[in-house]
Amino acid sequence: MVRALRWIVFAIAVLAMNFPIIVTLITSLKSQRELSTNPGLWISQPTLDNYLEVLTQTSRFNIYAYLLNSTVAALIGTGLAIVLAFPAAYAIARSESGKRLVLPIVINLRAVPLIIFAIPLYMMYQWLGLLDTRIGLGLILTIVNAPLALVILVNAISDVPVELDEAAKVDGANSLQVMMMIVRPVIRPALVTTFIFGFITAWNEFLFGLMLTTSRAVPMTVGASFFFAASGGGVKWGTASAVMMLGALPPALLGLVMYRQISGSMTAGAVKG
């Protein structure tokens, strides 16, 4: 009885949390005619016409370009954030003042609403010629991801015994060699987790994509909003829903494929015996 009740509660929770996704998926499988007569959750005649329209009719909105822009910018924003955060995290983890002073400052800066940086960033990007470029979008996503990467990596490196560093230095290794050859292999699960979370965060970023791009480097999150533009009879909700489902697919697949890696790094210690 208790087990059955537990599964019922679990099913209700899953349904409640994923209800918007379910509604969007159902809407994407309905024709425009059926949506006008049957806006509910039941599908009388499922169709893939909305997906075919999005994937084949690229004269107005090119979903492939949006997907490519998001992928390139997210990879830049995630990879560069890890490259910068890893040595910083090592220095902070091995310094008491770093843990007490630097890390809280970085975290508090990330808590500031990003819209505050909109005007100076736009002016700086305009001066540097980075507006509407993938590299420009990737650089700003690096700033967005850096605090998250720093927190995860500091916690992981803090679990690595300092004795490993000292033993390596006795053998003649310098700090860079210790960081790359001793610490990095031990915290590999945390690095993978940082990459996954960073990629998903960068992929879902909307504000800077809207502010810093116009045509050539428009990311998927911003490009998906274009499909809501009224045309003829109004908004094509089926087409718009299909775009949203396709846009959510890459990060969702990444999370599902790497779920074991994420859960393992979150629950297991970083130190290997």
Protein backbone atom coordinates (compact mmCIF):
# COMPACT_ATOMS: atom_id res chain seq x y z
CA MET A 1 0.00 0.00 0.00
CA VAL A 2 2.79 2.39 0.97
CA ARG A 3 4.72 1.55 -2.18
CA ALA A 4 1.68 2.12 -4.39
CA LEU A 5 1.02 5.46 -2.70
CA ARG A 6 4.65 6.43 -3.23
CA TRP A 7 4.40 5.70 -6.96
CA ILE A 8 1.16 7.69 -7.20
CA VAL A 9 2.80 10.71 -5.57
CA PHE A 10 5.82 10.27 -7.84
CA ALA A 11 3.61 10.11 -10.95
CA ILE A 12 1.69 13.24 -9.90
CA ALA A 13 4.94 15.12 -9.27
CA VAL A 14 6.40 14.09 -12.64
CA LEU A 15 3.18 15.07 -14.42
CA ALA A 16 3.04 18.45 -12.67
CA MET A 17 6.67 19.32 -13.38
CA ASN A 18 6.51 18.23 -17.01
CA PHE A 19 3.00 19.44 -17.79
CA PRO A 20 4.17 22.43 -19.90
CA ILE A 21 6.40 20.13 -21.96
CA ILE A 22 3.57 17.65 -22.45
CA VAL A 23 1.20 20.42 -23.58
CA THR A 24 3.81 21.79 -26.00
CA LEU A 25 4.47 18.31 -27.44
CA ILE A 26 0.75 17.62 -27.90
CA THR A 27 0.24 21.00 -29.56
CA SER A 28 3.12 20.36 -31.95
CA LEU A 29 1.42 17.16 -33.13
CA LYS A 30 -1.86 18.85 -34.02
CA SER A 31 -2.80 20.51 -37.28
CA GLN A 32 -3.87 24.14 -37.32
CA ARG A 33 -7.45 23.06 -38.07
CA GLU A 34 -7.58 20.66 -35.13
CA LEU A 35 -6.11 23.28 -32.79
CA SER A 36 -8.96 25.63 -33.64
CA THR A 37 -11.57 23.02 -32.75
CA ASN A 38 -9.73 20.87 -30.19
CA PRO A 39 -7.37 22.86 -27.94
CA GLY A 40 -7.38 20.15 -25.25
CA LEU A 41 -4.88 17.40 -24.49
CA TRP A 42 -6.46 14.79 -26.74
CA ILE A 43 -5.15 14.37 -30.30
CA SER A 44 -7.68 13.18 -32.85
CA GLN A 45 -5.33 13.04 -35.84
CA PRO A 46 -1.62 13.26 -34.95
CA THR A 47 0.53 14.87 -37.62
CA LEU A 48 4.18 15.73 -38.20
CA ASP A 49 3.38 18.52 -40.63
CA ASN A 50 4.47 21.18 -38.14
CA TYR A 51 7.92 19.62 -37.82
CA LEU A 52 8.21 19.19 -41.59
CA GLU A 53 7.30 22.84 -42.09
CA VAL A 54 9.95 23.98 -39.63
CA LEU A 55 12.66 21.72 -41.05
CA THR A 56 11.97 22.24 -44.75
CA GLN A 57 10.68 25.79 -45.18
CA THR A 58 13.78 27.78 -44.22
CA SER A 59 13.30 30.76 -46.51
CA ARG A 60 11.90 32.92 -43.72
CA PHE A 61 13.41 31.44 -40.54
CA ASN A 62 16.37 29.07 -40.83
CA ILE A 63 16.24 26.75 -37.82
CA TYR A 64 19.51 25.06 -38.86
CA ALA A 65 21.37 28.36 -38.59
CA TYR A 66 19.86 28.98 -35.14
CA LEU A 67 20.87 25.51 -33.96
CA LEU A 68 24.41 25.95 -35.29
CA ASN A 69 24.74 29.37 -33.68
CA SER A 70 23.60 28.03 -30.31
CA THR A 71 25.92 25.03 -30.53
CA VAL A 72 29.01 27.07 -31.40
CA ALA A 73 28.31 29.78 -28.83
CA ALA A 74 27.49 27.25 -26.10
CA LEU A 75 30.69 25.28 -26.77
CA ILE A 76 32.77 28.46 -26.64
CA GLY A 77 31.00 29.72 -23.52
CA THR A 78 31.36 26.39 -21.73
CA GLY A 79 34.86 25.38 -22.80
CA LEU A 80 36.40 28.79 -22.18
CA ALA A 81 34.67 29.06 -18.80
CA ILE A 82 36.21 25.75 -17.70
CA VAL A 83 39.66 26.76 -18.99
CA LEU A 84 39.52 29.98 -16.97
CA ALA A 85 37.75 28.60 -13.90
CA PHE A 86 39.93 25.52 -13.38
CA PRO A 87 43.20 27.29 -12.42
CA ALA A 88 41.21 29.92 -10.49
CA ALA A 89 39.37 27.17 -8.61
CA TYR A 90 42.67 25.44 -7.79
CA ALA A 91 44.12 28.67 -6.38
CA ILE A 92 40.98 29.37 -4.34
CA ALA A 93 40.69 25.80 -3.03
CA ARG A 94 44.28 25.84 -1.84
CA SER A 95 43.92 29.24 -0.15
CA GLU A 96 41.88 29.93 2.98
CA SER A 97 41.52 33.59 2.07
CA GLY A 98 40.30 32.54 -1.38
CA LYS A 99 37.51 30.44 0.10
CA ARG A 100 36.51 33.12 2.61
CA LEU A 101 36.82 36.18 0.38
CA VAL A 102 37.17 35.58 -3.37
CA LEU A 103 34.58 32.82 -3.82
CA PRO A 104 31.74 34.64 -2.00
CA ILE A 105 32.44 37.80 -4.01
CA VAL A 106 32.22 35.90 -7.29
CA ILE A 107 29.00 34.16 -6.25
CA ASN A 108 27.42 37.42 -5.13
CA LEU A 109 28.35 39.10 -8.41
CA ARG A 110 26.55 36.31 -10.29
CA ALA A 111 23.48 36.96 -8.15
CA VAL A 112 23.22 40.47 -9.61
CA PRO A 113 20.57 40.65 -12.39
CA LEU A 114 22.30 40.39 -15.76
CA ILE A 115 20.21 43.18 -17.23
CA ILE A 116 22.36 45.65 -15.26
CA PHE A 117 25.28 44.89 -17.59
CA ALA A 118 23.21 45.30 -20.76
CA ILE A 119 24.10 48.89 -21.72
CA PRO A 120 27.88 48.81 -21.04
CA LEU A 121 28.20 45.40 -22.70
CA TYR A 122 26.34 46.54 -25.80
CA MET A 123 28.50 49.67 -26.09
CA MET A 124 31.69 47.67 -25.59
CA TYR A 125 30.65 45.04 -28.16
CA GLN A 126 29.75 47.75 -30.64
CA TRP A 127 33.19 49.33 -30.23
CA LEU A 128 34.96 45.97 -30.60
CA GLY A 129 32.86 44.85 -33.57
CA LEU A 130 31.54 41.77 -31.72
CA LEU A 131 27.84 42.47 -32.18
CA ASP A 132 25.96 39.69 -34.00
CA THR A 133 28.94 37.30 -33.96
CA ARG A 134 29.18 33.79 -32.56
CA ILE A 135 32.46 34.52 -30.83
CA GLY A 136 30.93 37.58 -29.17
CA LEU A 137 27.97 35.57 -27.92
CA GLY A 138 30.33 32.82 -26.76
CA LEU A 139 32.42 35.29 -24.77
CA ILE A 140 29.43 36.66 -22.88
CA LEU A 141 28.24 33.10 -22.19
CA THR A 142 31.69 32.45 -20.71
CA ILE A 143 31.02 35.19 -18.17
CA VAL A 144 27.60 33.71 -17.43
CA ASN A 145 29.07 30.23 -16.88
CA ALA A 146 32.24 31.16 -14.99
CA PRO A 147 30.70 31.46 -11.47
CA LEU A 148 28.90 28.12 -11.80
CA ALA A 149 32.08 26.43 -13.03
CA LEU A 150 34.08 28.02 -10.23
CA VAL A 151 31.74 26.81 -7.48
CA ILE A 152 31.62 23.22 -8.76
CA LEU A 153 35.37 22.98 -9.31
CA VAL A 154 36.31 24.61 -5.99
CA ASN A 155 34.19 22.08 -4.12
CA ALA A 156 35.71 19.21 -6.10
CA ILE A 157 39.31 20.35 -5.67
CA SER A 158 38.76 20.95 -1.95
CA ASP A 159 38.04 17.22 -1.58
CA VAL A 160 41.43 16.33 -3.05
CA PRO A 161 43.95 15.91 -0.19
CA VAL A 162 46.67 18.55 -0.08
CA GLU A 163 49.10 15.70 0.63
CA LEU A 164 48.88 14.71 -3.05
CA ASP A 165 50.12 18.17 -4.04
CA GLU A 166 52.91 18.05 -1.50
CA ALA A 167 54.04 14.58 -2.59
CA ALA A 168 54.15 15.67 -6.24
CA LYS A 169 56.13 18.82 -5.38
CA VAL A 170 58.63 16.72 -3.42
CA ASP A 171 59.16 14.77 -6.65
CA GLY A 172 59.94 18.02 -8.46
CA ALA A 173 56.57 18.98 -9.95
CA ASN A 174 55.59 22.63 -10.10
CA SER A 175 52.09 24.00 -9.40
CA LEU A 176 50.99 23.78 -13.03
CA GLN A 177 52.10 20.17 -13.30
CA VAL A 178 50.36 19.32 -10.04
CA MET A 179 47.16 20.94 -11.24
CA MET A 180 47.18 19.27 -14.67
CA MET A 181 48.69 15.86 -13.88
CA ILE A 182 47.49 15.18 -10.33
CA VAL A 183 44.34 17.19 -9.63
CA ARG A 184 42.72 17.19 -13.07
CA PRO A 185 42.42 13.39 -13.47
CA VAL A 186 40.97 13.10 -9.97
CA ILE A 187 38.25 15.71 -10.52
CA ARG A 188 37.39 14.57 -14.05
CA PRO A 189 33.75 13.76 -13.09
CA ALA A 190 33.35 17.31 -11.78
CA LEU A 191 34.79 18.72 -15.01
CA VAL A 192 32.29 16.70 -17.03
CA THR A 193 29.45 17.86 -14.80
CA THR A 194 30.61 21.46 -15.17
CA PHE A 195 30.60 21.09 -18.94
CA ILE A 196 27.09 19.63 -19.01
CA PHE A 197 25.57 22.25 -16.72
CA GLY A 198 27.48 25.01 -18.48
CA PHE A 199 26.35 23.88 -21.93
CA ILE A 200 22.71 23.70 -20.85
CA THR A 201 22.92 27.14 -19.20
CA ALA A 202 24.56 28.65 -22.28
CA TRP A 203 22.06 27.00 -24.62
CA ASN A 204 19.10 28.37 -22.65
CA GLU A 205 20.44 31.94 -22.40
CA PHE A 206 17.95 34.37 -23.95
CA LEU A 207 18.72 37.88 -22.72
CA PHE A 208 22.16 38.35 -24.27
CA GLY A 209 21.17 36.45 -27.39
CA LEU A 210 18.34 38.90 -27.91
CA MET A 211 20.46 41.93 -27.06
CA LEU A 212 23.71 41.17 -28.89
CA THR A 213 22.50 39.43 -32.08
CA THR A 214 20.27 40.46 -34.96
CA SER A 215 20.64 38.06 -37.90
CA ARG A 216 23.95 36.21 -38.38
CA ALA A 217 24.45 34.82 -34.85
CA VAL A 218 20.87 34.51 -33.57
CA PRO A 219 20.73 31.57 -31.09
CA MET A 220 17.94 29.00 -30.95
CA THR A 221 16.23 30.56 -27.94
CA VAL A 222 15.81 33.87 -29.76
CA GLY A 223 15.13 32.28 -33.15
CA ALA A 224 12.30 30.21 -31.69
CA SER A 225 10.51 33.39 -30.67
CA PHE A 226 10.42 34.50 -34.33
CA PHE A 227 8.00 31.69 -35.11
CA PHE A 228 5.40 33.36 -32.89
CA ALA A 229 5.19 36.26 -35.32
CA ALA A 230 1.67 36.55 -36.65
CA SER A 231 1.27 35.76 -40.33
CA GLY A 232 -2.00 35.71 -42.19
CA GLY A 233 -4.45 34.06 -39.81
CA GLY A 234 -2.35 34.74 -36.72
CA VAL A 235 0.13 32.74 -34.69
CA LYS A 236 0.69 29.17 -35.87
CA TRP A 237 0.76 27.51 -32.47
CA GLY A 238 1.54 24.07 -33.88
CA THR A 239 4.58 25.34 -35.74
CA ALA A 240 5.75 27.42 -32.78
CA SER A 241 5.41 24.39 -30.49
CA ALA A 242 7.39 22.22 -32.91
CA VAL A 243 10.20 24.80 -32.91
CA MET A 244 10.26 24.85 -29.10
CA MET A 245 10.44 21.06 -28.93
CA LEU A 246 13.30 20.95 -31.44
CA GLY A 247 15.12 23.71 -29.59
CA ALA A 248 14.80 21.89 -26.27
CA LEU A 249 16.00 18.58 -27.72
CA PRO A 250 19.83 19.04 -27.66
CA PRO A 251 20.17 19.98 -23.95
CA ALA A 252 17.53 17.41 -22.99
CA LEU A 253 19.39 14.63 -24.82
CA LEU A 254 22.69 15.73 -23.30
CA GLY A 255 21.20 15.60 -19.82
CA LEU A 256 19.67 12.15 -20.41
CA VAL A 257 22.82 10.66 -21.94
CA MET A 258 25.08 12.05 -19.21
CA TYR A 259 22.68 11.49 -16.31
CA ARG A 260 24.78 8.78 -14.68
CA GLN A 261 27.89 10.94 -14.92
CA ILE A 262 26.10 13.88 -13.30
CA SER A 263 24.54 11.87 -10.48
CA GLY A 264 27.79 10.02 -9.84
CA SER A 265 29.84 13.20 -9.52
CA MET A 266 27.24 14.76 -7.25
CA THR A 267 26.98 11.85 -4.84
CA ALA A 268 30.45 10.36 -4.87
CA GLY A 269 33.60 11.89 -3.45
CA ALA A 270 36.27 13.09 -5.80
CA VAL A 271 39.09 11.28 -4.01
CA LYS A 272 40.02 7.85 -5.28
CA GLY A 273 41.65 5.51 -2.90
